[in-house]
Amino acid sequence: VSCSQDRTLIVWDISKGTQIAQLEGHVDMVESCAITPDDRYIISGSWDKRVILWDVESILKKESPVYAVLGEHAHFLNDVHFFASDSVVSSSADMTVKLLRIPNQ
């Protein structure tokens, strides 16, 4: 998965080098993204101050991919990472770090 200043994320088939999906949901540039080791979820953090959790299965089925907006910061996000199997850590220009739970784990 890659993220961009054009407010989108691109999900790639690495073995073929082709694009699987383009994800839209942020309203400002996407600064950081990550995918779980089991390929179940994608997380993204944006200058729109939001952390979005995307469901990979829904993406592959061409369904609505946004699983949840996990949280917001007071300023743009710098980085997002998965933490354990049920949480996400996000950091922001507001000088905070948040631990956010993935719902229904």
N, C-alpha and C. Protein backbone atom coordinates (compact mmCIF):
# COMPACT_ATOMS: atom_id res chain seq x y z
N VAL A 1 0.85 -1.18 0.00
CA VAL A 1 0.00 0.00 0.00
C VAL A 1 0.90 1.24 0.00
N SER A 2 0.46 2.25 -0.73
CA SER A 2 1.19 3.52 -0.76
C SER A 2 0.19 4.65 -0.53
N CYS A 3 0.71 5.77 -0.04
CA CYS A 3 -0.16 6.93 0.21
C CYS A 3 0.41 8.15 -0.50
N SER A 4 -0.44 9.18 -0.65
CA SER A 4 -0.06 10.27 -1.54
C SER A 4 -0.60 11.62 -1.09
N GLN A 5 0.03 12.66 -1.63
CA GLN A 5 -0.43 14.03 -1.40
C GLN A 5 -1.76 14.30 -2.11
N ASP A 6 -2.16 13.42 -3.03
CA ASP A 6 -3.44 13.63 -3.73
C ASP A 6 -4.64 13.11 -2.92
N ARG A 7 -4.42 12.77 -1.64
CA ARG A 7 -5.45 12.36 -0.68
C ARG A 7 -5.89 10.91 -0.85
N THR A 8 -5.16 10.12 -1.58
CA THR A 8 -5.54 8.73 -1.82
C THR A 8 -4.49 7.76 -1.31
N LEU A 9 -4.90 6.50 -1.24
CA LEU A 9 -4.00 5.38 -1.00
C LEU A 9 -4.16 4.45 -2.20
N ILE A 10 -3.08 3.77 -2.56
CA ILE A 10 -3.12 2.78 -3.63
C ILE A 10 -2.76 1.43 -3.04
N VAL A 11 -3.60 0.43 -3.30
CA VAL A 11 -3.32 -0.94 -2.90
C VAL A 11 -2.76 -1.65 -4.12
N TRP A 12 -1.61 -2.29 -3.93
CA TRP A 12 -0.87 -2.90 -5.04
C TRP A 12 -0.85 -4.41 -4.94
N ASP A 13 -0.82 -5.07 -6.08
CA ASP A 13 -0.46 -6.49 -6.17
C ASP A 13 1.03 -6.50 -6.46
N ILE A 14 1.80 -6.78 -5.44
CA ILE A 14 3.27 -6.68 -5.57
C ILE A 14 3.81 -7.70 -6.55
N SER A 15 3.22 -8.90 -6.58
CA SER A 15 3.74 -9.94 -7.48
C SER A 15 3.58 -9.57 -8.95
N LYS A 16 2.50 -8.81 -9.26
CA LYS A 16 2.25 -8.42 -10.65
C LYS A 16 2.66 -6.98 -10.94
N GLY A 17 2.89 -6.20 -9.88
CA GLY A 17 3.23 -4.78 -10.07
C GLY A 17 2.06 -3.95 -10.58
N THR A 18 0.85 -4.39 -10.23
CA THR A 18 -0.34 -3.68 -10.72
C THR A 18 -1.16 -3.12 -9.56
N GLN A 19 -1.95 -2.13 -9.88
CA GLN A 19 -2.82 -1.50 -8.90
C GLN A 19 -4.09 -2.33 -8.72
N ILE A 20 -4.45 -2.60 -7.47
CA ILE A 20 -5.68 -3.32 -7.15
C ILE A 20 -6.82 -2.34 -6.91
N ALA A 21 -6.53 -1.28 -6.16
CA ALA A 21 -7.58 -0.33 -5.80
C ALA A 21 -6.98 1.03 -5.44
N GLN A 22 -7.77 2.06 -5.63
CA GLN A 22 -7.44 3.40 -5.17
C GLN A 22 -8.45 3.76 -4.09
N LEU A 23 -7.97 4.10 -2.90
CA LEU A 23 -8.84 4.38 -1.76
C LEU A 23 -8.97 5.88 -1.55
N GLU A 24 -10.21 6.32 -1.43
CA GLU A 24 -10.50 7.73 -1.18
C GLU A 24 -11.32 7.84 0.09
N GLY A 25 -10.94 8.75 0.97
CA GLY A 25 -11.66 8.94 2.21
C GLY A 25 -11.11 10.10 3.02
N HIS A 26 -9.87 10.45 2.75
CA HIS A 26 -9.26 11.60 3.41
C HIS A 26 -9.55 12.86 2.60
N VAL A 27 -9.55 14.01 3.27
CA VAL A 27 -9.80 15.28 2.60
C VAL A 27 -8.55 16.16 2.53
N ASP A 28 -7.42 15.60 2.90
CA ASP A 28 -6.13 16.29 2.77
C ASP A 28 -5.08 15.22 2.51
N MET A 29 -3.85 15.62 2.26
CA MET A 29 -2.83 14.65 1.87
C MET A 29 -2.61 13.58 2.93
N VAL A 30 -2.35 12.37 2.46
CA VAL A 30 -2.15 11.23 3.34
C VAL A 30 -0.65 11.10 3.59
N GLU A 31 -0.28 11.21 4.85
CA GLU A 31 1.13 11.27 5.26
C GLU A 31 1.73 9.90 5.55
N SER A 32 0.91 8.96 6.04
CA SER A 32 1.45 7.68 6.48
C SER A 32 0.41 6.58 6.30
N CYS A 33 0.89 5.37 6.03
CA CYS A 33 0.00 4.22 5.94
C CYS A 33 0.77 2.95 6.27
N ALA A 34 0.02 1.93 6.66
CA ALA A 34 0.63 0.64 6.99
C ALA A 34 -0.41 -0.44 6.78
N ILE A 35 0.07 -1.68 6.64
CA ILE A 35 -0.82 -2.83 6.49
C ILE A 35 -0.43 -3.87 7.54
N THR A 36 -1.44 -4.56 8.07
CA THR A 36 -1.15 -5.58 9.08
C THR A 36 -0.40 -6.75 8.45
N PRO A 37 0.41 -7.46 9.25
CA PRO A 37 1.14 -8.61 8.72
C PRO A 37 0.23 -9.68 8.10
N ASP A 38 -1.02 -9.78 8.61
CA ASP A 38 -1.95 -10.77 8.05
C ASP A 38 -2.77 -10.21 6.88
N ASP A 39 -2.46 -9.00 6.44
CA ASP A 39 -3.13 -8.34 5.30
C ASP A 39 -4.63 -8.10 5.54
N ARG A 40 -5.04 -8.02 6.79
CA ARG A 40 -6.47 -7.83 7.09
C ARG A 40 -6.89 -6.36 7.04
N TYR A 41 -6.03 -5.48 7.54
CA TYR A 41 -6.36 -4.06 7.62
C TYR A 41 -5.25 -3.18 7.07
N ILE A 42 -5.67 -2.00 6.63
CA ILE A 42 -4.75 -0.91 6.28
C ILE A 42 -5.12 0.25 7.19
N ILE A 43 -4.12 0.96 7.64
CA ILE A 43 -4.34 2.15 8.45
C ILE A 43 -3.72 3.34 7.73
N SER A 44 -4.37 4.50 7.82
CA SER A 44 -3.80 5.70 7.20
C SER A 44 -3.97 6.91 8.11
N GLY A 45 -3.01 7.80 8.03
CA GLY A 45 -3.04 9.05 8.78
C GLY A 45 -2.81 10.20 7.83
N SER A 46 -3.55 11.29 8.03
CA SER A 46 -3.58 12.35 7.04
C SER A 46 -3.43 13.73 7.68
N TRP A 47 -3.19 14.70 6.82
CA TRP A 47 -3.19 16.10 7.24
C TRP A 47 -4.61 16.55 7.59
N ASP A 48 -5.63 15.74 7.30
CA ASP A 48 -7.00 16.07 7.72
C ASP A 48 -7.21 15.73 9.20
N LYS A 49 -6.15 15.25 9.87
CA LYS A 49 -6.12 14.98 11.32
C LYS A 49 -6.76 13.65 11.70
N ARG A 50 -7.18 12.86 10.71
CA ARG A 50 -7.90 11.62 11.01
C ARG A 50 -7.05 10.38 10.78
N VAL A 51 -7.37 9.35 11.56
CA VAL A 51 -6.80 8.02 11.41
C VAL A 51 -7.93 7.14 10.87
N ILE A 52 -7.74 6.56 9.69
CA ILE A 52 -8.77 5.72 9.08
C ILE A 52 -8.27 4.27 8.99
N LEU A 53 -9.16 3.35 9.37
CA LEU A 53 -8.91 1.93 9.27
C LEU A 53 -9.69 1.40 8.07
N TRP A 54 -8.99 0.72 7.17
CA TRP A 54 -9.58 0.18 5.94
C TRP A 54 -9.59 -1.33 6.03
N ASP A 55 -10.65 -1.96 5.56
CA ASP A 55 -10.79 -3.41 5.56
C ASP A 55 -10.37 -3.97 4.20
N VAL A 56 -9.32 -4.76 4.18
CA VAL A 56 -8.76 -5.27 2.92
C VAL A 56 -9.74 -6.20 2.21
N GLU A 57 -10.45 -7.04 2.95
CA GLU A 57 -11.42 -7.94 2.31
C GLU A 57 -12.48 -7.15 1.54
N SER A 58 -12.96 -6.07 2.14
CA SER A 58 -13.95 -5.22 1.45
C SER A 58 -13.36 -4.56 0.21
N ILE A 59 -12.10 -4.19 0.29
CA ILE A 59 -11.42 -3.58 -0.87
C ILE A 59 -11.37 -4.59 -2.02
N LEU A 60 -11.00 -5.82 -1.72
CA LEU A 60 -10.88 -6.85 -2.76
C LEU A 60 -12.23 -7.21 -3.35
N LYS A 61 -13.31 -7.08 -2.56
CA LYS A 61 -14.66 -7.36 -3.05
C LYS A 61 -15.31 -6.14 -3.70
N LYS A 62 -14.56 -5.03 -3.78
CA LYS A 62 -15.06 -3.78 -4.37
C LYS A 62 -16.24 -3.21 -3.58
N GLU A 63 -16.26 -3.46 -2.26
CA GLU A 63 -17.27 -2.90 -1.38
C GLU A 63 -16.72 -1.65 -0.70
N SER A 64 -17.53 -1.00 0.12
CA SER A 64 -17.08 0.18 0.85
C SER A 64 -15.91 -0.20 1.76
N PRO A 65 -14.73 0.36 1.51
CA PRO A 65 -13.55 -0.11 2.23
C PRO A 65 -13.31 0.52 3.59
N VAL A 66 -13.97 1.65 3.91
CA VAL A 66 -13.70 2.30 5.20
C VAL A 66 -14.35 1.48 6.30
N TYR A 67 -13.53 0.95 7.17
CA TYR A 67 -14.02 0.15 8.29
C TYR A 67 -14.36 1.04 9.47
N ALA A 68 -13.49 2.03 9.76
CA ALA A 68 -13.73 2.91 10.89
C ALA A 68 -12.80 4.12 10.85
N VAL A 69 -13.29 5.25 11.32
CA VAL A 69 -12.41 6.38 11.62
C VAL A 69 -12.06 6.19 13.09
N LEU A 70 -10.79 5.86 13.34
CA LEU A 70 -10.39 5.49 14.70
C LEU A 70 -10.20 6.67 15.62
N GLY A 71 -9.86 7.82 15.09
CA GLY A 71 -9.63 8.96 15.95
C GLY A 71 -9.17 10.18 15.18
N GLU A 72 -9.05 11.26 15.92
CA GLU A 72 -8.58 12.51 15.35
C GLU A 72 -7.57 13.14 16.28
N HIS A 73 -6.69 13.90 15.71
CA HIS A 73 -5.74 14.71 16.46
C HIS A 73 -6.10 16.18 16.27
N ALA A 74 -5.47 17.03 17.04
CA ALA A 74 -5.71 18.47 16.92
C ALA A 74 -4.96 19.08 15.73
N HIS A 75 -3.95 18.35 15.23
CA HIS A 75 -3.17 18.83 14.09
C HIS A 75 -2.89 17.64 13.18
N PHE A 76 -2.19 17.88 12.05
CA PHE A 76 -1.99 16.80 11.08
C PHE A 76 -1.17 15.65 11.65
N LEU A 77 -1.40 14.47 11.08
CA LEU A 77 -0.69 13.27 11.53
C LEU A 77 0.65 13.14 10.84
N ASN A 78 1.62 12.66 11.61
CA ASN A 78 2.96 12.39 11.08
C ASN A 78 3.14 10.93 10.72
N ASP A 79 2.56 10.05 11.55
CA ASP A 79 2.85 8.63 11.38
C ASP A 79 1.77 7.77 12.03
N VAL A 80 1.54 6.60 11.46
CA VAL A 80 0.64 5.60 12.03
C VAL A 80 1.31 4.24 11.93
N HIS A 81 1.10 3.41 12.96
CA HIS A 81 1.65 2.06 12.99
C HIS A 81 0.68 1.14 13.71
N PHE A 82 0.64 -0.12 13.29
CA PHE A 82 -0.12 -1.10 14.03
C PHE A 82 0.69 -1.48 15.26
N PHE A 83 0.00 -1.68 16.38
CA PHE A 83 0.62 -2.02 17.65
C PHE A 83 -0.11 -3.24 18.19
N ALA A 84 0.56 -4.33 18.31
CA ALA A 84 -0.04 -5.60 18.68
C ALA A 84 -1.09 -5.96 17.62
N SER A 85 -2.09 -6.76 17.98
CA SER A 85 -3.06 -7.17 16.98
C SER A 85 -4.36 -6.39 17.06
N ASP A 86 -4.49 -5.53 18.08
CA ASP A 86 -5.77 -4.86 18.29
C ASP A 86 -5.67 -3.35 18.45
N SER A 87 -4.52 -2.78 18.13
CA SER A 87 -4.32 -1.35 18.37
C SER A 87 -3.49 -0.68 17.28
N VAL A 88 -3.64 0.64 17.24
CA VAL A 88 -2.88 1.49 16.32
C VAL A 88 -2.27 2.62 17.14
N VAL A 89 -1.04 2.97 16.81
CA VAL A 89 -0.40 4.12 17.43
C VAL A 89 -0.30 5.20 16.36
N SER A 90 -0.72 6.43 16.74
CA SER A 90 -0.61 7.56 15.81
C SER A 90 0.13 8.71 16.49
N SER A 91 0.91 9.43 15.69
CA SER A 91 1.61 10.60 16.21
C SER A 91 1.27 11.79 15.33
N SER A 92 1.29 12.98 15.96
CA SER A 92 0.80 14.16 15.28
C SER A 92 1.68 15.36 15.53
N ALA A 93 1.53 16.36 14.67
CA ALA A 93 2.21 17.64 14.85
C ALA A 93 1.68 18.39 16.06
N ASP A 94 0.60 17.90 16.68
CA ASP A 94 0.10 18.52 17.91
C ASP A 94 0.89 18.07 19.13
N MET A 95 1.98 17.30 18.87
CA MET A 95 2.89 16.82 19.91
C MET A 95 2.28 15.73 20.79
N THR A 96 1.33 14.97 20.23
CA THR A 96 0.73 13.87 20.98
C THR A 96 0.93 12.56 20.24
N VAL A 97 0.86 11.50 21.02
CA VAL A 97 0.83 10.13 20.50
C VAL A 97 -0.41 9.49 21.10
N LYS A 98 -1.18 8.83 20.25
CA LYS A 98 -2.41 8.18 20.72
C LYS A 98 -2.35 6.69 20.46
N LEU A 99 -2.88 5.93 21.41
CA LEU A 99 -3.07 4.50 21.24
C LEU A 99 -4.56 4.30 20.98
N LEU A 100 -4.90 3.80 19.82
CA LEU A 100 -6.29 3.65 19.39
C LEU A 100 -6.61 2.17 19.22
N ARG A 101 -7.73 1.74 19.75
CA ARG A 101 -8.15 0.34 19.64
C ARG A 101 -8.88 0.10 18.32
N ILE A 102 -8.61 -1.04 17.71
CA ILE A 102 -9.34 -1.48 16.52
C ILE A 102 -10.65 -2.09 17.02
N PRO A 103 -11.80 -1.61 16.55
CA PRO A 103 -13.08 -2.13 17.05
C PRO A 103 -13.34 -3.58 16.64
N ASN A 104 -14.06 -4.28 17.51
CA ASN A 104 -14.52 -5.66 17.24
C ASN A 104 -13.38 -6.62 16.96
N GLN A 105 -12.34 -6.56 17.72
CA GLN A 105 -11.23 -7.49 17.56
C GLN A 105 -11.43 -8.72 18.40
